Amino acid sequence: METREDVERAQREVEALGATLVHDPGGARAGFRVFTDPVGHPFCLCYGQGLGPEAAA
């Protein structure tokens, strides 16, 4: 399970490689961020997915 801090570090890395953030719905303990790679393919970085439904609060 990735933490929000892990995703923030990964975001800096993928943006350095040319990715663009297109959506971040938030989530203090669980969530995801959607990016596109330099040619437009979408991908997500997710965190806290194994915490259960209360984790998104």
PDB file of N, CA and C in Angstrom:
ATOM      1  N   MET A   1       0.847  -1.181   0.000  1.00  0.00           N
ATOM      2  CA  MET A   1       0.000   0.000   0.000  1.00  0.00           C
ATOM      3  C   MET A   1       0.887   1.237   0.000  1.00  0.00           C
ATOM      4  N   GLU A   2       0.626   2.107  -0.926  1.00  0.00           N
ATOM      5  CA  GLU A   2       1.348   3.367  -1.030  1.00  0.00           C
ATOM      6  C   GLU A   2       0.692   4.416  -0.144  1.00  0.00           C
ATOM      7  N   THR A   3       1.488   5.311   0.388  1.00  0.00           N
ATOM      8  CA  THR A   3       0.963   6.419   1.185  1.00  0.00           C
ATOM      9  C   THR A   3       0.871   7.667   0.323  1.00  0.00           C
ATOM     10  N   ARG A   4       0.196   8.654   0.837  1.00  0.00           N
ATOM     11  CA  ARG A   4       0.085   9.929   0.120  1.00  0.00           C
ATOM     12  C   ARG A   4       1.480  10.523  -0.123  1.00  0.00           C
ATOM     13  N   GLU A   5       2.384  10.381   0.856  1.00  0.00           N
ATOM     14  CA  GLU A   5       3.742  10.896   0.695  1.00  0.00           C
ATOM     15  C   GLU A   5       4.481  10.165  -0.428  1.00  0.00           C
ATOM     16  N   ASP A   6       4.250   8.853  -0.558  1.00  0.00           N
ATOM     17  CA  ASP A   6       4.847   8.087  -1.652  1.00  0.00           C
ATOM     18  C   ASP A   6       4.365   8.616  -2.998  1.00  0.00           C
ATOM     19  N   VAL A   7       3.069   8.910  -3.084  1.00  0.00           N
ATOM     20  CA  VAL A   7       2.501   9.405  -4.341  1.00  0.00           C
ATOM     21  C   VAL A   7       3.024  10.805  -4.646  1.00  0.00           C
ATOM     22  N   GLU A   8       3.200  11.630  -3.649  1.00  0.00           N
ATOM     23  CA  GLU A   8       3.749  12.966  -3.890  1.00  0.00           C
ATOM     24  C   GLU A   8       5.171  12.874  -4.439  1.00  0.00           C
ATOM     25  N   ARG A   9       5.981  11.951  -3.898  1.00  0.00           N
ATOM     26  CA  ARG A   9       7.333  11.739  -4.413  1.00  0.00           C
ATOM     27  C   ARG A   9       7.270  11.208  -5.852  1.00  0.00           C
ATOM     28  N   ALA A  10       6.392  10.236  -6.077  1.00  0.00           N
ATOM     29  CA  ALA A  10       6.248   9.664  -7.422  1.00  0.00           C
ATOM     30  C   ALA A  10       5.753  10.716  -8.408  1.00  0.00           C
ATOM     31  N   GLN A  11       4.876  11.610  -7.954  1.00  0.00           N
ATOM     32  CA  GLN A  11       4.384  12.661  -8.844  1.00  0.00           C
ATOM     33  C   GLN A  11       5.536  13.545  -9.317  1.00  0.00           C
ATOM     34  N   ARG A  12       6.410  13.928  -8.418  1.00  0.00           N
ATOM     35  CA  ARG A  12       7.562  14.745  -8.827  1.00  0.00           C
ATOM     36  C   ARG A  12       8.401  14.004  -9.868  1.00  0.00           C
ATOM     37  N   GLU A  13       8.562  12.701  -9.674  1.00  0.00           N
ATOM     38  CA  GLU A  13       9.359  11.902 -10.603  1.00  0.00           C
ATOM     39  C   GLU A  13       8.709  11.790 -11.976  1.00  0.00           C
ATOM     40  N   VAL A  14       7.404  11.490 -12.020  1.00  0.00           N
ATOM     41  CA  VAL A  14       6.759  11.327 -13.333  1.00  0.00           C
ATOM     42  C   VAL A  14       6.630  12.660 -14.052  1.00  0.00           C
ATOM     43  N   GLU A  15       6.427  13.753 -13.309  1.00  0.00           N
ATOM     44  CA  GLU A  15       6.378  15.072 -13.957  1.00  0.00           C
ATOM     45  C   GLU A  15       7.746  15.444 -14.535  1.00  0.00           C
ATOM     46  N   ALA A  16       8.824  15.055 -13.866  1.00  0.00           N
ATOM     47  CA  ALA A  16      10.170  15.294 -14.395  1.00  0.00           C
ATOM     48  C   ALA A  16      10.401  14.526 -15.693  1.00  0.00           C
ATOM     49  N   LEU A  17       9.669  13.420 -15.859  1.00  0.00           N
ATOM     50  CA  LEU A  17       9.773  12.613 -17.077  1.00  0.00           C
ATOM     51  C   LEU A  17       8.789  13.055 -18.159  1.00  0.00           C
ATOM     52  N   GLY A  18       7.985  14.103 -17.891  1.00  0.00           N
ATOM     53  CA  GLY A  18       7.093  14.640 -18.914  1.00  0.00           C
ATOM     54  C   GLY A  18       5.620  14.399 -18.705  1.00  0.00           C
ATOM     55  N   ALA A  19       5.224  13.775 -17.602  1.00  0.00           N
ATOM     56  CA  ALA A  19       3.792  13.547 -17.341  1.00  0.00           C
ATOM     57  C   ALA A  19       3.108  14.852 -16.954  1.00  0.00           C
ATOM     58  N   THR A  20       1.795  14.899 -17.188  1.00  0.00           N
ATOM     59  CA  THR A  20       0.978  16.062 -16.848  1.00  0.00           C
ATOM     60  C   THR A  20      -0.159  15.620 -15.938  1.00  0.00           C
ATOM     61  N   LEU A  21      -0.312  16.282 -14.801  1.00  0.00           N
ATOM     62  CA  LEU A  21      -1.432  16.008 -13.894  1.00  0.00           C
ATOM     63  C   LEU A  21      -2.714  16.536 -14.527  1.00  0.00           C
ATOM     64  N   VAL A  22      -3.744  15.670 -14.595  1.00  0.00           N
ATOM     65  CA  VAL A  22      -5.021  16.108 -15.167  1.00  0.00           C
ATOM     66  C   VAL A  22      -6.177  16.064 -14.176  1.00  0.00           C
ATOM     67  N   HIS A  23      -6.016  15.309 -13.059  1.00  0.00           N
ATOM     68  CA  HIS A  23      -7.111  15.241 -12.085  1.00  0.00           C
ATOM     69  C   HIS A  23      -6.589  14.740 -10.747  1.00  0.00           C
ATOM     70  N   ASP A  24      -6.936  15.459  -9.678  1.00  0.00           N
ATOM     71  CA  ASP A  24      -6.601  15.047  -8.313  1.00  0.00           C
ATOM     72  C   ASP A  24      -7.831  15.279  -7.454  1.00  0.00           C
ATOM     73  N   PRO A  25      -8.646  14.211  -7.215  1.00  0.00           N
ATOM     74  CA  PRO A  25      -9.855  14.393  -6.431  1.00  0.00           C
ATOM     75  C   PRO A  25      -9.599  14.549  -4.936  1.00  0.00           C
ATOM     76  N   GLY A  26      -8.327  14.485  -4.515  1.00  0.00           N
ATOM     77  CA  GLY A  26      -8.006  14.658  -3.106  1.00  0.00           C
ATOM     78  C   GLY A  26      -8.147  13.366  -2.326  1.00  0.00           C
ATOM     79  N   GLY A  27      -8.312  13.508  -1.042  1.00  0.00           N
ATOM     80  CA  GLY A  27      -8.384  12.354  -0.154  1.00  0.00           C
ATOM     81  C   GLY A  27      -7.211  12.411   0.796  1.00  0.00           C
ATOM     82  N   ALA A  28      -7.494  12.560   2.059  1.00  0.00           N
ATOM     83  CA  ALA A  28      -6.421  12.700   3.040  1.00  0.00           C
ATOM     84  C   ALA A  28      -5.631  11.410   3.215  1.00  0.00           C
ATOM     85  N   ARG A  29      -6.314  10.268   3.217  1.00  0.00           N
ATOM     86  CA  ARG A  29      -5.635   8.992   3.467  1.00  0.00           C
ATOM     87  C   ARG A  29      -5.704   8.021   2.294  1.00  0.00           C
ATOM     88  N   ALA A  30      -6.641   8.210   1.376  1.00  0.00           N
ATOM     89  CA  ALA A  30      -6.776   7.328   0.221  1.00  0.00           C
ATOM     90  C   ALA A  30      -7.247   8.146  -0.967  1.00  0.00           C
ATOM     91  N   GLY A  31      -6.755   7.803  -2.127  1.00  0.00           N
ATOM     92  CA  GLY A  31      -7.175   8.517  -3.329  1.00  0.00           C
ATOM     93  C   GLY A  31      -6.333   8.122  -4.519  1.00  0.00           C
ATOM     94  N   PHE A  32      -6.380   8.954  -5.540  1.00  0.00           N
ATOM     95  CA  PHE A  32      -5.630   8.708  -6.761  1.00  0.00           C
ATOM     96  C   PHE A  32      -5.411  10.029  -7.477  1.00  0.00           C
ATOM     97  N   ARG A  33      -4.437  10.035  -8.350  1.00  0.00           N
ATOM     98  CA  ARG A  33      -4.150  11.182  -9.209  1.00  0.00           C
ATOM     99  C   ARG A  33      -4.019  10.661 -10.623  1.00  0.00           C
ATOM    100  N   VAL A  34      -4.649  11.351 -11.557  1.00  0.00           N
ATOM    101  CA  VAL A  34      -4.639  10.944 -12.964  1.00  0.00           C
ATOM    102  C   VAL A  34      -3.661  11.840 -13.719  1.00  0.00           C
ATOM    103  N   PHE A  35      -2.833  11.212 -14.530  1.00  0.00           N
ATOM    104  CA  PHE A  35      -1.836  11.908 -15.339  1.00  0.00           C
ATOM    105  C   PHE A  35      -1.966  11.463 -16.786  1.00  0.00           C
ATOM    106  N   THR A  36      -1.339  12.203 -17.676  1.00  0.00           N
ATOM    107  CA  THR A  36      -1.118  11.727 -19.036  1.00  0.00           C
ATOM    108  C   THR A  36       0.382  11.708 -19.276  1.00  0.00           C
ATOM    109  N   ASP A  37       0.827  10.721 -20.043  1.00  0.00           N
ATOM    110  CA  ASP A  37       2.243  10.686 -20.399  1.00  0.00           C
ATOM    111  C   ASP A  37       2.470  11.672 -21.540  1.00  0.00           C
ATOM    112  N   PRO A  38       3.702  11.869 -21.980  1.00  0.00           N
ATOM    113  CA  PRO A  38       3.969  12.886 -23.007  1.00  0.00           C
ATOM    114  C   PRO A  38       3.199  12.727 -24.321  1.00  0.00           C
ATOM    115  N   VAL A  39       2.736  11.516 -24.632  1.00  0.00           N
ATOM    116  CA  VAL A  39       1.960  11.335 -25.861  1.00  0.00           C
ATOM    117  C   VAL A  39       0.460  11.241 -25.605  1.00  0.00           C
ATOM    118  N   GLY A  40       0.032  11.456 -24.349  1.00  0.00           N
ATOM    119  CA  GLY A  40      -1.389  11.535 -24.056  1.00  0.00           C
ATOM    120  C   GLY A  40      -2.041  10.314 -23.444  1.00  0.00           C
ATOM    121  N   HIS A  41      -1.293   9.256 -23.165  1.00  0.00           N
ATOM    122  CA  HIS A  41      -1.876   8.062 -22.548  1.00  0.00           C
ATOM    123  C   HIS A  41      -2.127   8.320 -21.064  1.00  0.00           C
ATOM    124  N   PRO A  42      -3.330   8.032 -20.573  1.00  0.00           N
ATOM    125  CA  PRO A  42      -3.626   8.267 -19.153  1.00  0.00           C
ATOM    126  C   PRO A  42      -3.078   7.152 -18.257  1.00  0.00           C
ATOM    127  N   PHE A  43      -2.718   7.528 -17.049  1.00  0.00           N
ATOM    128  CA  PHE A  43      -2.341   6.561 -16.011  1.00  0.00           C
ATOM    129  C   PHE A  43      -2.609   7.190 -14.657  1.00  0.00           C
ATOM    130  N   CYS A  44      -2.696   6.356 -13.623  1.00  0.00           N
ATOM    131  CA  CYS A  44      -3.004   6.832 -12.267  1.00  0.00           C
ATOM    132  C   CYS A  44      -1.923   6.428 -11.285  1.00  0.00           C
ATOM    133  N   LEU A  45      -1.749   7.266 -10.278  1.00  0.00           N
ATOM    134  CA  LEU A  45      -0.983   6.924  -9.080  1.00  0.00           C
ATOM    135  C   LEU A  45      -2.003   6.863  -7.958  1.00  0.00           C
ATOM    136  N   CYS A  46      -2.037   5.731  -7.242  1.00  0.00           N
ATOM    137  CA  CYS A  46      -3.041   5.505  -6.197  1.00  0.00           C
ATOM    138  C   CYS A  46      -2.366   5.353  -4.848  1.00  0.00           C
ATOM    139  N   TYR A  47      -3.112   5.705  -3.779  1.00  0.00           N
ATOM    140  CA  TYR A  47      -2.575   5.546  -2.431  1.00  0.00           C
ATOM    141  C   TYR A  47      -3.684   5.193  -1.472  1.00  0.00           C
ATOM    142  N   GLY A  48      -3.323   4.432  -0.416  1.00  0.00           N
ATOM    143  CA  GLY A  48      -4.258   4.074   0.639  1.00  0.00           C
ATOM    144  C   GLY A  48      -5.409   3.190   0.218  1.00  0.00           C
ATOM    145  N   GLN A  49      -5.264   2.445  -0.858  1.00  0.00           N
ATOM    146  CA  GLN A  49      -6.382   1.665  -1.391  1.00  0.00           C
ATOM    147  C   GLN A  49      -6.785   0.494  -0.504  1.00  0.00           C
ATOM    148  N   GLY A  50      -5.913   0.024   0.376  1.00  0.00           N
ATOM    149  CA  GLY A  50      -6.242  -1.124   1.217  1.00  0.00           C
ATOM    150  C   GLY A  50      -6.800  -0.751   2.570  1.00  0.00           C
ATOM    151  N   LEU A  51      -7.204   0.501   2.762  1.00  0.00           N
ATOM    152  CA  LEU A  51      -7.632   0.952   4.078  1.00  0.00           C
ATOM    153  C   LEU A  51      -9.123   0.830   4.333  1.00  0.00           C
ATOM    154  N   GLY A  52      -9.931   0.574   3.327  1.00  0.00           N
ATOM    155  CA  GLY A  52     -11.372   0.479   3.513  1.00  0.00           C
ATOM    156  C   GLY A  52     -12.063   1.804   3.197  1.00  0.00           C
ATOM    157  N   PRO A  53     -13.410   1.813   3.139  1.00  0.00           N
ATOM    158  CA  PRO A  53     -14.155   2.994   2.707  1.00  0.00           C
ATOM    159  C   PRO A  53     -13.964   4.210   3.608  1.00  0.00           C
ATOM    160  N   GLU A  54     -13.680   4.017   4.874  1.00  0.00           N
ATOM    161  CA  GLU A  54     -13.518   5.171   5.766  1.00  0.00           C
ATOM    162  C   GLU A  54     -12.219   5.910   5.519  1.00  0.00           C
ATOM    163  N   ALA A  55     -11.293   5.332   4.763  1.00  0.00           N
ATOM    164  CA  ALA A  55      -9.990   5.936   4.532  1.00  0.00           C
ATOM    165  C   ALA A  55     -10.061   7.185   3.668  1.00  0.00           C
ATOM    166  N   ALA A  56     -11.048   7.283   2.806  1.00  0.00           N
ATOM    167  CA  ALA A  56     -11.142   8.426   1.895  1.00  0.00           C
ATOM    168  C   ALA A  56     -11.519   9.715   2.609  1.00  0.00           C
ATOM    169  N   ALA A  57     -11.989   9.637   3.800  1.00  0.00           N
ATOM    170  CA  ALA A  57     -12.412  10.840   4.534  1.00  0.00           C
ATOM    171  C   ALA A  57     -11.247  11.694   4.947  1.00  0.00           C
TER     172      ALA A  57
END
